[in-house]
Amino acid sequence: MSPAAKRKTPASKPKSKSKAKKKSRGWLQWWPVAVGIVLVPFAVRAVDILALTGRWQAWLVAPWSFLLQGNPLHLSPAGADYLAEGVMDGQFPVYGLLYVLLTRRLRPGTAIGVIVAIHLLAFAAQSLVATS
């Protein structure tokens, strides 16, 4: 046999799972934040309509905003209104960001469950504040 035939070619090393997982998907992984930004005007409009039917229905959509409207931080009335409006506008993009961060460690269903639990926690807190 010739020396070239006896020589073995080096086998390529398989990529480890950790390196394959760390590969970034680019902007595609941030789609929940984009969906949250798109949902903001619809949520604001829904709160306006639901506020006419009753306060509980509006609390279901934006509990964090209504929780801050009671001025628990003892801000000036104008400052409390600005803060409540900012929380209303930022609630769904923050949920999207939280989903992106949680799905790095958890399954998507579990991440959605955590976000729903946080939302319901705010609703329960608002309900307790309103009844007291």
C-alpha atoms as a PDB file:
ATOM      1  CA  MET A   1       0.000   0.000   0.000  1.00  0.00           C
ATOM      2  CA  SER A   2       1.142   3.480  -0.655  1.00  0.00           C
ATOM      3  CA  PRO A   3       1.872   5.832   2.257  1.00  0.00           C
ATOM      4  CA  ALA A   4      -0.999   8.104   1.210  1.00  0.00           C
ATOM      5  CA  ALA A   5      -3.488   5.242   1.496  1.00  0.00           C
ATOM      6  CA  LYS A   6      -2.307   4.320   5.014  1.00  0.00           C
ATOM      7  CA  ARG A   7      -2.667   7.852   6.350  1.00  0.00           C
ATOM      8  CA  LYS A   8      -5.922   8.458   8.188  1.00  0.00           C
ATOM      9  CA  THR A   9      -7.751  11.690   7.800  1.00  0.00           C
ATOM     10  CA  PRO A  10      -8.495  13.381  11.100  1.00  0.00           C
ATOM     11  CA  ALA A  11     -12.139  13.008  12.070  1.00  0.00           C
ATOM     12  CA  SER A  12     -13.971  16.234  12.646  1.00  0.00           C
ATOM     13  CA  LYS A  13     -15.012  16.724  16.234  1.00  0.00           C
ATOM     14  CA  PRO A  14     -18.744  16.836  16.829  1.00  0.00           C
ATOM     15  CA  LYS A  15     -19.976  20.164  18.114  1.00  0.00           C
ATOM     16  CA  SER A  16     -20.954  20.116  21.718  1.00  0.00           C
ATOM     17  CA  LYS A  17     -24.562  20.821  22.626  1.00  0.00           C
ATOM     18  CA  SER A  18     -23.664  23.897  24.626  1.00  0.00           C
ATOM     19  CA  LYS A  19     -22.073  25.587  21.630  1.00  0.00           C
ATOM     20  CA  ALA A  20     -25.026  24.723  19.454  1.00  0.00           C
ATOM     21  CA  LYS A  21     -27.451  26.154  22.020  1.00  0.00           C
ATOM     22  CA  LYS A  22     -25.506  29.366  22.399  1.00  0.00           C
ATOM     23  CA  LYS A  23     -25.918  30.176  18.736  1.00  0.00           C
ATOM     24  CA  SER A  24     -27.976  33.329  18.548  1.00  0.00           C
ATOM     25  CA  ARG A  25     -31.041  33.497  16.387  1.00  0.00           C
ATOM     26  CA  GLY A  26     -30.590  37.221  15.866  1.00  0.00           C
ATOM     27  CA  TRP A  27     -33.607  39.487  15.839  1.00  0.00           C
ATOM     28  CA  LEU A  28     -35.987  36.559  15.474  1.00  0.00           C
ATOM     29  CA  GLN A  29     -35.732  35.733  19.175  1.00  0.00           C
ATOM     30  CA  TRP A  30     -37.143  39.167  20.096  1.00  0.00           C
ATOM     31  CA  TRP A  31     -40.507  38.682  18.392  1.00  0.00           C
ATOM     32  CA  PRO A  32     -42.433  38.609  21.734  1.00  0.00           C
ATOM     33  CA  VAL A  33     -41.216  42.124  22.518  1.00  0.00           C
ATOM     34  CA  ALA A  34     -42.370  43.306  19.084  1.00  0.00           C
ATOM     35  CA  VAL A  35     -45.768  41.696  19.634  1.00  0.00           C
ATOM     36  CA  GLY A  36     -45.992  43.460  23.007  1.00  0.00           C
ATOM     37  CA  ILE A  37     -45.255  46.811  21.371  1.00  0.00           C
ATOM     38  CA  VAL A  38     -47.924  46.188  18.736  1.00  0.00           C
ATOM     39  CA  LEU A  39     -50.472  45.235  21.425  1.00  0.00           C
ATOM     40  CA  VAL A  40     -50.103  48.480  23.409  1.00  0.00           C
ATOM     41  CA  PRO A  41     -52.562  50.652  21.410  1.00  0.00           C
ATOM     42  CA  PHE A  42     -55.114  47.838  21.368  1.00  0.00           C
ATOM     43  CA  ALA A  43     -54.777  47.321  25.113  1.00  0.00           C
ATOM     44  CA  VAL A  44     -55.204  51.032  25.825  1.00  0.00           C
ATOM     45  CA  ARG A  45     -58.340  51.109  23.678  1.00  0.00           C
ATOM     46  CA  ALA A  46     -59.655  47.946  25.333  1.00  0.00           C
ATOM     47  CA  VAL A  47     -59.166  49.458  28.777  1.00  0.00           C
ATOM     48  CA  ASP A  48     -61.055  52.580  27.694  1.00  0.00           C
ATOM     49  CA  ILE A  49     -63.988  50.490  26.467  1.00  0.00           C
ATOM     50  CA  LEU A  50     -63.970  48.071  29.390  1.00  0.00           C
ATOM     51  CA  ALA A  51     -63.823  50.913  31.913  1.00  0.00           C
ATOM     52  CA  LEU A  52     -67.295  51.908  30.737  1.00  0.00           C
ATOM     53  CA  THR A  53     -68.693  48.483  31.607  1.00  0.00           C
ATOM     54  CA  GLY A  54     -67.053  48.161  34.994  1.00  0.00           C
ATOM     55  CA  ARG A  55     -63.798  48.494  36.815  1.00  0.00           C
ATOM     56  CA  TRP A  56     -63.141  44.747  37.213  1.00  0.00           C
ATOM     57  CA  GLN A  57     -63.030  44.170  33.466  1.00  0.00           C
ATOM     58  CA  ALA A  58     -60.516  46.974  32.949  1.00  0.00           C
ATOM     59  CA  TRP A  59     -58.404  45.635  35.822  1.00  0.00           C
ATOM     60  CA  LEU A  60     -58.071  42.326  33.992  1.00  0.00           C
ATOM     61  CA  VAL A  61     -56.310  44.016  31.063  1.00  0.00           C
ATOM     62  CA  ALA A  62     -53.988  46.384  32.903  1.00  0.00           C
ATOM     63  CA  PRO A  63     -53.807  45.638  36.627  1.00  0.00           C
ATOM     64  CA  TRP A  64     -50.388  47.236  37.166  1.00  0.00           C
ATOM     65  CA  SER A  65     -51.585  50.577  35.840  1.00  0.00           C
ATOM     66  CA  PHE A  66     -54.682  50.655  38.035  1.00  0.00           C
ATOM     67  CA  LEU A  67     -52.652  49.557  41.035  1.00  0.00           C
ATOM     68  CA  LEU A  68     -50.485  52.672  40.646  1.00  0.00           C
ATOM     69  CA  GLN A  69     -53.420  55.018  40.040  1.00  0.00           C
ATOM     70  CA  GLY A  70     -54.323  54.797  43.711  1.00  0.00           C
ATOM     71  CA  ASN A  71     -51.049  56.663  44.347  1.00  0.00           C
ATOM     72  CA  PRO A  72     -49.517  54.136  46.775  1.00  0.00           C
ATOM     73  CA  LEU A  73     -46.103  55.764  46.311  1.00  0.00           C
ATOM     74  CA  HIS A  74     -47.400  59.144  47.544  1.00  0.00           C
ATOM     75  CA  LEU A  75     -46.322  61.029  44.446  1.00  0.00           C
ATOM     76  CA  SER A  76     -47.874  64.224  43.215  1.00  0.00           C
ATOM     77  CA  PRO A  77     -51.147  63.573  41.372  1.00  0.00           C
ATOM     78  CA  ALA A  78     -49.569  64.482  38.036  1.00  0.00           C
ATOM     79  CA  GLY A  79     -46.554  62.258  38.700  1.00  0.00           C
ATOM     80  CA  ALA A  80     -48.802  59.344  39.660  1.00  0.00           C
ATOM     81  CA  ASP A  81     -50.798  59.774  36.431  1.00  0.00           C
ATOM     82  CA  TYR A  82     -47.624  59.823  34.319  1.00  0.00           C
ATOM     83  CA  LEU A  83     -46.308  56.753  36.088  1.00  0.00           C
ATOM     84  CA  ALA A  84     -49.603  54.864  35.636  1.00  0.00           C
ATOM     85  CA  GLU A  85     -49.678  55.783  31.946  1.00  0.00           C
ATOM     86  CA  GLY A  86     -46.074  54.696  31.484  1.00  0.00           C
ATOM     87  CA  VAL A  87     -46.758  51.378  33.168  1.00  0.00           C
ATOM     88  CA  MET A  88     -49.806  50.907  30.932  1.00  0.00           C
ATOM     89  CA  ASP A  89     -47.704  51.512  27.829  1.00  0.00           C
ATOM     90  CA  GLY A  90     -44.807  49.377  29.021  1.00  0.00           C
ATOM     91  CA  GLN A  91     -46.679  46.416  30.476  1.00  0.00           C
ATOM     92  CA  PHE A  92     -46.948  44.231  27.383  1.00  0.00           C
ATOM     93  CA  PRO A  93     -43.448  44.916  25.997  1.00  0.00           C
ATOM     94  CA  VAL A  94     -42.077  44.019  29.444  1.00  0.00           C
ATOM     95  CA  TYR A  95     -44.100  40.797  29.364  1.00  0.00           C
ATOM     96  CA  GLY A  96     -42.550  40.061  25.963  1.00  0.00           C
ATOM     97  CA  LEU A  97     -39.065  40.750  27.299  1.00  0.00           C
ATOM     98  CA  LEU A  98     -39.759  38.559  30.299  1.00  0.00           C
ATOM     99  CA  TYR A  99     -40.898  35.771  27.964  1.00  0.00           C
ATOM    100  CA  VAL A 100     -37.668  36.018  25.948  1.00  0.00           C
ATOM    101  CA  LEU A 101     -35.552  35.869  29.099  1.00  0.00           C
ATOM    102  CA  LEU A 102     -37.533  33.040  30.677  1.00  0.00           C
ATOM    103  CA  THR A 103     -37.496  30.831  27.579  1.00  0.00           C
ATOM    104  CA  ARG A 104     -33.720  30.776  27.743  1.00  0.00           C
ATOM    105  CA  ARG A 105     -34.011  28.658  30.903  1.00  0.00           C
ATOM    106  CA  LEU A 106     -37.570  27.286  30.867  1.00  0.00           C
ATOM    107  CA  ARG A 107     -39.939  25.669  28.411  1.00  0.00           C
ATOM    108  CA  PRO A 108     -42.229  28.119  26.567  1.00  0.00           C
ATOM    109  CA  GLY A 109     -45.360  26.833  28.327  1.00  0.00           C
ATOM    110  CA  THR A 110     -43.774  27.336  31.728  1.00  0.00           C
ATOM    111  CA  ALA A 111     -42.649  30.851  30.762  1.00  0.00           C
ATOM    112  CA  ILE A 112     -46.197  31.763  29.723  1.00  0.00           C
ATOM    113  CA  GLY A 113     -47.468  30.330  33.006  1.00  0.00           C
ATOM    114  CA  VAL A 114     -45.056  32.513  34.975  1.00  0.00           C
ATOM    115  CA  ILE A 115     -46.160  35.631  33.082  1.00  0.00           C
ATOM    116  CA  VAL A 116     -49.855  34.821  33.598  1.00  0.00           C
ATOM    117  CA  ALA A 117     -49.169  34.250  37.304  1.00  0.00           C
ATOM    118  CA  ILE A 118     -47.463  37.658  37.574  1.00  0.00           C
ATOM    119  CA  HIS A 119     -50.412  39.291  35.788  1.00  0.00           C
ATOM    120  CA  LEU A 120     -52.936  37.568  38.063  1.00  0.00           C
ATOM    121  CA  LEU A 121     -50.880  38.528  41.111  1.00  0.00           C
ATOM    122  CA  ALA A 122     -51.240  42.177  40.157  1.00  0.00           C
ATOM    123  CA  PHE A 123     -54.974  41.664  39.600  1.00  0.00           C
ATOM    124  CA  ALA A 124     -55.310  40.077  43.056  1.00  0.00           C
ATOM    125  CA  ALA A 125     -53.324  42.907  44.647  1.00  0.00           C
ATOM    126  CA  GLN A 126     -55.558  45.475  42.949  1.00  0.00           C
ATOM    127  CA  SER A 127     -58.630  43.620  44.160  1.00  0.00           C
ATOM    128  CA  LEU A 128     -57.331  43.616  47.735  1.00  0.00           C
ATOM    129  CA  VAL A 129     -56.481  47.318  47.599  1.00  0.00           C
ATOM    130  CA  ALA A 130     -59.911  48.185  46.201  1.00  0.00           C
ATOM    131  CA  THR A 131     -61.836  46.221  48.823  1.00  0.00           C
ATOM    132  CA  SER A 132     -59.935  47.674  51.764  1.00  0.00           C
END
